[in-house]
Amino acid sequence: MRWMLICTGIIIWILFSNTMLFAQQTPNSLEVSAKEPSESSVPGNAVEMTDIHDIKPPEKAGVDPVFFYYLLLAAFLLVLLFVGFYFWKKRGMKAAELDIAPLPPDVTALRLLDELAKAENSDEKAFYFRLSAILRHYIRGRYCVNAPEMTTEEFLPRVEELGLHIGLQKPLRELFQSTDPIKFAGIPAGEAKMKIDLIFVKEFVKQTTFVQNAK
């Protein structure tokens, strides 16, 4: 859209310059009058010539400047049309973005967990980085605690503020404490632990979502 406006502006400038040039130029009329012969200069046997007329001024050549005025007006209307269409389309896109409501944190978390469960031959370190990120973002959306920006040491004291059942607090702490060595020290976890931790995170999301809806 921007390059179309630039090209249209250049065309308008060229047309305007040519229009002004044509408007300033006026044809030079040749006012040539044929001298009438005097009686003294006409020989006695000369015949008077009556078919000689004055020289006509030269006719205007080129395009009528009025044509350029109409062309300039058409270009101006075209620019207005493009500008109006651009802002109309931009406004429609903003309205469409506002109509798209964000998904609830539990729906987003469960979808991401399902995708993580379907991933084959997942590296243990990458698996726990992803699992921890999903859980932390869910906690931020559900409890308004900025867990993704906290270290494990910073987050663990905040677990009590979540108002969780005692049966969820302890496993949640153990999960965060056990994932750091796997993520940062490369300690092996094993497929059994990966499945157990994935199941726990899913149950954690479902149970805490139920508590939220029950209030």
Protein backbone atom coordinates (compact mmCIF):
# COMPACT_ATOMS: atom_id res chain seq x y z
CA MET A 1 0.00 0.00 0.00
CA ARG A 2 2.82 2.41 0.82
CA TRP A 3 4.54 1.99 -2.56
CA MET A 4 1.21 2.52 -4.34
CA LEU A 5 0.72 5.84 -2.54
CA ILE A 6 4.28 6.91 -3.36
CA CYS A 7 3.88 6.07 -7.06
CA THR A 8 0.54 7.84 -7.22
CA GLY A 9 2.05 10.93 -5.59
CA ILE A 10 4.87 10.98 -8.15
CA ILE A 11 2.37 10.70 -11.00
CA ILE A 12 0.31 13.55 -9.58
CA TRP A 13 3.42 15.73 -9.24
CA ILE A 14 4.43 15.04 -12.86
CA LEU A 15 0.94 15.75 -14.15
CA PHE A 16 0.68 18.92 -12.11
CA SER A 17 4.04 20.16 -13.44
CA ASN A 18 3.03 19.46 -17.03
CA THR A 19 -0.32 21.16 -16.50
CA MET A 20 1.29 24.30 -15.15
CA LEU A 21 3.76 24.29 -18.04
CA PHE A 22 0.97 24.06 -20.61
CA ALA A 23 -1.04 26.72 -18.80
CA GLN A 24 1.86 29.17 -18.91
CA GLN A 25 2.63 28.66 -22.57
CA THR A 26 0.50 30.70 -25.00
CA PRO A 27 0.83 30.39 -28.72
CA ASN A 28 2.56 33.28 -30.38
CA SER A 29 0.24 34.57 -33.00
CA LEU A 30 1.73 35.83 -36.10
CA GLU A 31 0.10 39.04 -36.99
CA VAL A 32 1.26 39.54 -40.48
CA SER A 33 -0.66 41.96 -42.62
CA ALA A 34 -0.20 41.98 -46.27
CA LYS A 35 0.76 45.38 -47.49
CA GLU A 36 -1.65 46.80 -49.94
CA PRO A 37 0.15 47.95 -53.04
CA SER A 38 0.03 51.67 -53.67
CA GLU A 39 -0.99 53.08 -56.99
CA SER A 40 2.48 54.45 -57.58
CA SER A 41 4.11 51.06 -57.19
CA VAL A 42 1.67 49.18 -59.35
CA PRO A 43 2.61 49.20 -62.99
CA GLY A 44 0.10 50.42 -65.39
CA ASN A 45 -0.38 47.05 -67.01
CA ALA A 46 -0.45 45.15 -63.63
CA VAL A 47 -3.64 43.35 -62.71
CA GLU A 48 -4.93 43.94 -59.20
CA MET A 49 -4.78 40.67 -57.17
CA THR A 50 -7.77 40.13 -54.93
CA ASP A 51 -7.13 36.50 -53.80
CA ILE A 52 -4.31 37.30 -51.36
CA HIS A 53 -5.36 37.07 -47.69
CA ASP A 54 -3.65 37.71 -44.37
CA ILE A 55 -1.54 34.87 -42.91
CA LYS A 56 -3.53 32.99 -40.26
CA PRO A 57 -1.98 32.53 -36.81
CA PRO A 58 -0.60 29.03 -36.16
CA GLU A 59 -3.05 26.58 -34.66
CA LYS A 60 -2.42 25.16 -31.19
CA ALA A 61 -0.51 21.89 -31.29
CA GLY A 62 -0.36 19.17 -28.64
CA VAL A 63 -2.90 18.07 -26.02
CA ASP A 64 -5.52 20.35 -24.59
CA PRO A 65 -4.52 21.38 -21.03
CA VAL A 66 -8.08 20.70 -19.91
CA PHE A 67 -7.33 17.01 -20.42
CA PHE A 68 -4.56 17.21 -17.82
CA TYR A 69 -6.91 18.86 -15.32
CA TYR A 70 -9.32 15.93 -15.64
CA LEU A 71 -6.46 13.47 -15.39
CA LEU A 72 -5.16 15.20 -12.28
CA LEU A 73 -8.62 15.06 -10.71
CA ALA A 74 -8.91 11.35 -11.51
CA ALA A 75 -5.52 10.66 -9.93
CA PHE A 76 -6.51 12.59 -6.81
CA LEU A 77 -9.73 10.61 -6.47
CA LEU A 78 -7.76 7.40 -6.95
CA VAL A 79 -5.45 8.33 -4.08
CA LEU A 80 -8.43 9.06 -1.84
CA LEU A 81 -9.87 5.67 -2.76
CA PHE A 82 -6.64 3.84 -1.88
CA VAL A 83 -6.26 5.72 1.41
CA GLY A 84 -9.86 5.04 2.39
CA PHE A 85 -9.54 1.36 1.54
CA TYR A 86 -6.28 1.09 3.52
CA PHE A 87 -7.73 2.57 6.71
CA TRP A 88 -10.94 0.58 6.31
CA LYS A 89 -9.00 -2.66 6.03
CA LYS A 90 -6.74 -1.75 8.95
CA ARG A 91 -9.73 -0.93 11.12
CA GLY A 92 -11.36 -4.23 10.20
CA MET A 93 -8.23 -6.15 11.19
CA LYS A 94 -8.14 -4.43 14.59
CA ALA A 95 -11.80 -5.23 15.15
CA ALA A 96 -11.16 -8.87 14.27
CA GLU A 97 -8.30 -9.03 16.75
CA LEU A 98 -10.54 -7.66 19.49
CA ASP A 99 -13.19 -10.26 18.72
CA ILE A 100 -10.72 -13.11 19.34
CA ALA A 101 -10.94 -13.82 23.06
CA PRO A 102 -7.92 -15.46 24.71
CA LEU A 103 -8.35 -19.07 25.76
CA PRO A 104 -8.62 -19.87 29.46
CA PRO A 105 -5.29 -20.91 31.01
CA ASP A 106 -6.49 -24.46 31.71
CA VAL A 107 -7.57 -25.02 28.09
CA THR A 108 -4.24 -23.76 26.79
CA ALA A 109 -2.26 -25.84 29.28
CA LEU A 110 -4.14 -29.08 28.54
CA ARG A 111 -3.68 -28.61 24.78
CA LEU A 112 0.04 -28.06 25.19
CA LEU A 113 0.33 -31.07 27.49
CA ASP A 114 -1.44 -33.26 24.93
CA GLU A 115 1.02 -32.09 22.27
CA LEU A 116 3.92 -32.84 24.61
CA ALA A 117 2.57 -36.33 25.29
CA LYS A 118 2.34 -37.07 21.54
CA ALA A 119 5.93 -36.02 20.91
CA GLU A 120 8.02 -39.08 20.11
CA ASN A 121 11.64 -39.62 21.16
CA SER A 122 11.61 -36.44 23.18
CA ASP A 123 14.88 -35.50 24.83
CA GLU A 124 14.59 -35.63 28.61
CA LYS A 125 16.03 -32.17 29.14
CA ALA A 126 13.83 -30.62 26.43
CA PHE A 127 10.81 -32.50 27.83
CA TYR A 128 11.22 -31.05 31.31
CA PHE A 129 11.97 -27.56 30.04
CA ARG A 130 8.68 -27.72 28.14
CA LEU A 131 6.73 -29.32 30.98
CA SER A 132 7.98 -26.77 33.49
CA ALA A 133 7.18 -23.87 31.14
CA ILE A 134 3.59 -25.11 30.61
CA LEU A 135 3.04 -25.48 34.34
CA ARG A 136 4.54 -22.10 35.18
CA HIS A 137 2.47 -20.27 32.57
CA TYR A 138 -0.67 -22.00 33.78
CA ILE A 139 0.04 -20.89 37.36
CA ARG A 140 0.53 -17.32 36.18
CA GLY A 141 -2.78 -17.34 34.31
CA ARG A 142 -4.67 -19.15 37.07
CA TYR A 143 -3.23 -17.52 40.21
CA CYS A 144 -1.67 -14.30 38.87
CA VAL A 145 1.77 -15.32 40.15
CA ASN A 146 4.62 -14.55 37.76
CA ALA A 147 6.04 -18.06 37.97
CA PRO A 148 7.72 -18.03 34.51
CA GLU A 149 10.02 -15.20 35.62
CA MET A 150 10.94 -16.79 38.96
CA THR A 151 13.61 -19.29 39.85
CA THR A 152 12.62 -22.42 41.72
CA GLU A 153 13.98 -20.93 44.97
CA GLU A 154 11.86 -17.83 44.45
CA PHE A 155 8.71 -19.74 43.54
CA LEU A 156 8.62 -22.44 46.24
CA PRO A 157 7.84 -19.97 49.09
CA ARG A 158 4.90 -18.70 47.03
CA VAL A 159 3.26 -22.13 46.79
CA GLU A 160 1.45 -21.59 50.09
CA GLU A 161 -0.10 -18.41 48.68
CA LEU A 162 -1.86 -20.39 45.94
CA GLY A 163 -4.37 -21.83 48.39
CA LEU A 164 -3.81 -25.39 47.17
CA HIS A 165 -4.96 -28.52 48.89
CA ILE A 166 -2.23 -30.18 50.92
CA GLY A 167 -2.36 -33.13 48.55
CA LEU A 168 -1.23 -30.83 45.70
CA GLN A 169 1.28 -28.65 47.52
CA LYS A 170 3.79 -31.40 48.32
CA PRO A 171 3.86 -33.03 44.86
CA LEU A 172 4.14 -29.59 43.26
CA ARG A 173 7.18 -28.75 45.37
CA GLU A 174 8.79 -32.10 44.66
CA LEU A 175 8.23 -31.69 40.94
CA PHE A 176 9.93 -28.30 40.78
CA GLN A 177 12.82 -29.49 42.97
CA SER A 178 13.39 -32.62 40.86
CA THR A 179 13.23 -30.96 37.44
CA ASP A 180 16.06 -28.46 37.96
CA PRO A 181 18.83 -31.12 38.09
CA ILE A 182 17.42 -32.69 34.93
CA LYS A 183 17.21 -29.38 33.08
CA PHE A 184 20.48 -27.82 34.16
CA ALA A 185 22.74 -30.69 35.26
CA GLY A 186 21.67 -33.29 32.71
CA ILE A 187 20.76 -35.91 35.31
CA PRO A 188 18.77 -38.70 33.61
CA ALA A 189 15.11 -39.03 34.51
CA GLY A 190 13.81 -42.12 32.76
CA GLU A 191 10.60 -42.69 30.82
CA ALA A 192 8.67 -43.81 33.90
CA LYS A 193 9.31 -40.55 35.75
CA MET A 194 8.48 -38.53 32.64
CA LYS A 195 5.08 -40.22 32.33
CA ILE A 196 4.34 -39.80 36.05
CA ASP A 197 5.24 -36.11 36.02
CA LEU A 198 3.19 -35.48 32.89
CA ILE A 199 0.15 -37.17 34.46
CA PHE A 200 0.58 -35.13 37.63
CA VAL A 201 0.70 -31.81 35.77
CA LYS A 202 -2.48 -32.73 33.86
CA GLU A 203 -4.26 -33.66 37.09
CA PHE A 204 -2.99 -30.50 38.76
CA VAL A 205 -4.50 -28.36 35.99
CA LYS A 206 -7.81 -30.23 36.07
CA GLN A 207 -8.17 -30.14 39.86
CA THR A 208 -7.26 -26.50 40.24
CA THR A 209 -9.56 -25.55 37.36
CA PHE A 210 -12.41 -27.36 39.11
CA VAL A 211 -11.70 -25.41 42.31
CA GLN A 212 -11.78 -22.15 40.33
CA ASN A 213 -15.12 -22.94 38.69
CA ALA A 214 -16.62 -24.11 41.94
CA LYS A 215 -16.15 -20.74 43.66
